[in-house]
Amino acid sequence: VAKNRMSGTIPPSVGSMPVLAGLDLSHNHFSGPLPTSLCNLTALQHLTLAHNRFTGSVLGCFQDLMFLQHLVLSHNLFPGTVP
């Protein structure tokens, strides 16, 4: 769903898809914090959230996602450093 001018926040229900292998929400107008339910996506291999307006902390659980190979968070409004 990249480049679709979608806005709002990522709904917590996104975490109810544990077999999801890839999610690309880049180049939209999403904002707000990342839902902690993203931590439930245990099969996730690719997550691209670049070029949005996400705020808050980067989820520390990303480092626990065993299959995650590609994580792109650039061009958002995250303060500080990536855990």
C-alpha atoms as a PDB file:
ATOM      1  CA  VAL A   1       0.000   0.000   0.000  1.00  0.00           C
ATOM      2  CA  ALA A   2       2.946   2.302  -0.600  1.00  0.00           C
ATOM      3  CA  LYS A   3       2.386   5.658  -2.299  1.00  0.00           C
ATOM      4  CA  ASN A   4      -1.366   5.794  -1.746  1.00  0.00           C
ATOM      5  CA  ARG A   5      -1.706   9.044   0.231  1.00  0.00           C
ATOM      6  CA  MET A   6      -3.112   7.082   3.145  1.00  0.00           C
ATOM      7  CA  SER A   7      -3.268   8.944   6.455  1.00  0.00           C
ATOM      8  CA  GLY A   8      -4.056   8.422  10.114  1.00  0.00           C
ATOM      9  CA  THR A   9      -2.437   5.887  12.369  1.00  0.00           C
ATOM     10  CA  ILE A  10      -1.631   2.241  11.804  1.00  0.00           C
ATOM     11  CA  PRO A  11      -4.480   0.312  13.435  1.00  0.00           C
ATOM     12  CA  PRO A  12      -3.491  -2.092  16.222  1.00  0.00           C
ATOM     13  CA  SER A  13      -5.289  -4.851  14.314  1.00  0.00           C
ATOM     14  CA  VAL A  14      -2.293  -5.018  11.955  1.00  0.00           C
ATOM     15  CA  GLY A  15      -0.708  -7.258  14.580  1.00  0.00           C
ATOM     16  CA  SER A  16      -3.377  -9.900  14.082  1.00  0.00           C
ATOM     17  CA  MET A  17      -1.631 -11.193  10.946  1.00  0.00           C
ATOM     18  CA  PRO A  18       1.256 -13.227  12.410  1.00  0.00           C
ATOM     19  CA  VAL A  19       2.098 -14.908   9.097  1.00  0.00           C
ATOM     20  CA  LEU A  20       2.576 -11.599   7.262  1.00  0.00           C
ATOM     21  CA  ALA A  21       6.050 -11.622   5.691  1.00  0.00           C
ATOM     22  CA  GLY A  22       6.207  -8.101   4.259  1.00  0.00           C
ATOM     23  CA  LEU A  23       4.599  -4.738   4.900  1.00  0.00           C
ATOM     24  CA  ASP A  24       5.328  -1.564   2.934  1.00  0.00           C
ATOM     25  CA  LEU A  25       3.513   1.552   4.101  1.00  0.00           C
ATOM     26  CA  SER A  26       6.096   3.974   2.756  1.00  0.00           C
ATOM     27  CA  HIS A  27       5.397   7.291   1.046  1.00  0.00           C
ATOM     28  CA  ASN A  28       2.038   7.909   2.690  1.00  0.00           C
ATOM     29  CA  HIS A  29       0.839  10.377   5.321  1.00  0.00           C
ATOM     30  CA  PHE A  30       0.676   8.080   8.340  1.00  0.00           C
ATOM     31  CA  SER A  31       1.377   9.706  11.699  1.00  0.00           C
ATOM     32  CA  GLY A  32       1.474   9.020  15.401  1.00  0.00           C
ATOM     33  CA  PRO A  33       3.292   6.286  17.274  1.00  0.00           C
ATOM     34  CA  LEU A  34       3.849   2.808  15.930  1.00  0.00           C
ATOM     35  CA  PRO A  35       1.403   0.312  17.437  1.00  0.00           C
ATOM     36  CA  THR A  36       3.059  -2.222  19.715  1.00  0.00           C
ATOM     37  CA  SER A  37       1.023  -4.878  17.930  1.00  0.00           C
ATOM     38  CA  LEU A  38       3.663  -4.757  15.171  1.00  0.00           C
ATOM     39  CA  CYS A  39       5.675  -6.895  17.600  1.00  0.00           C
ATOM     40  CA  ASN A  40       3.179  -9.733  16.981  1.00  0.00           C
ATOM     41  CA  LEU A  41       4.252 -10.047  13.338  1.00  0.00           C
ATOM     42  CA  THR A  42       6.682 -12.845  14.085  1.00  0.00           C
ATOM     43  CA  ALA A  43       7.089 -13.957  10.443  1.00  0.00           C
ATOM     44  CA  LEU A  44       7.875 -10.425   9.223  1.00  0.00           C
ATOM     45  CA  GLN A  45      10.887 -10.263   6.915  1.00  0.00           C
ATOM     46  CA  HIS A  46      10.500  -6.802   5.381  1.00  0.00           C
ATOM     47  CA  LEU A  47       9.047  -3.684   7.016  1.00  0.00           C
ATOM     48  CA  THR A  48       9.190  -0.339   5.231  1.00  0.00           C
ATOM     49  CA  LEU A  49       7.670   2.687   6.957  1.00  0.00           C
ATOM     50  CA  ALA A  50       9.797   5.419   5.357  1.00  0.00           C
ATOM     51  CA  HIS A  51       8.492   8.820   4.272  1.00  0.00           C
ATOM     52  CA  ASN A  52       5.616   9.237   6.699  1.00  0.00           C
ATOM     53  CA  ARG A  53       5.113  11.303   9.852  1.00  0.00           C
ATOM     54  CA  PHE A  54       5.526   8.663  12.537  1.00  0.00           C
ATOM     55  CA  THR A  55       6.459   9.922  15.999  1.00  0.00           C
ATOM     56  CA  GLY A  56       7.342   8.430  19.354  1.00  0.00           C
ATOM     57  CA  SER A  57       9.881   5.749  20.047  1.00  0.00           C
ATOM     58  CA  VAL A  58      11.037   3.109  17.616  1.00  0.00           C
ATOM     59  CA  LEU A  59       9.814  -0.201  18.986  1.00  0.00           C
ATOM     60  CA  GLY A  60      12.552  -2.155  20.711  1.00  0.00           C
ATOM     61  CA  CYS A  61      10.813  -5.407  19.816  1.00  0.00           C
ATOM     62  CA  PHE A  62      11.992  -5.082  16.224  1.00  0.00           C
ATOM     63  CA  GLN A  63      15.300  -6.564  17.351  1.00  0.00           C
ATOM     64  CA  ASP A  64      13.413  -9.646  18.589  1.00  0.00           C
ATOM     65  CA  LEU A  65      11.724 -10.377  15.257  1.00  0.00           C
ATOM     66  CA  MET A  66      13.890 -13.312  14.207  1.00  0.00           C
ATOM     67  CA  PHE A  67      13.086 -13.207  10.488  1.00  0.00           C
ATOM     68  CA  LEU A  68      13.259  -9.426  10.002  1.00  0.00           C
ATOM     69  CA  GLN A  69      15.915  -8.737   7.377  1.00  0.00           C
ATOM     70  CA  HIS A  70      14.929  -5.335   6.039  1.00  0.00           C
ATOM     71  CA  LEU A  71      13.726  -2.458   8.235  1.00  0.00           C
ATOM     72  CA  VAL A  72      13.394   1.029   6.732  1.00  0.00           C
ATOM     73  CA  LEU A  73      12.285   3.851   9.048  1.00  0.00           C
ATOM     74  CA  SER A  74      13.912   6.874   7.401  1.00  0.00           C
ATOM     75  CA  HIS A  75      12.212  10.214   6.820  1.00  0.00           C
ATOM     76  CA  ASN A  76       9.875  10.182   9.802  1.00  0.00           C
ATOM     77  CA  LEU A  77       9.762  12.209  12.995  1.00  0.00           C
ATOM     78  CA  PHE A  78      11.259   9.687  15.404  1.00  0.00           C
ATOM     79  CA  PRO A  79      13.350  11.362  18.122  1.00  0.00           C
ATOM     80  CA  GLY A  80      16.610   9.888  19.343  1.00  0.00           C
ATOM     81  CA  THR A  81      18.261   6.744  18.097  1.00  0.00           C
ATOM     82  CA  VAL A  82      17.069   3.382  16.901  1.00  0.00           C
ATOM     83  CA  PRO A  83      17.390   0.736  19.646  1.00  0.00           C
END
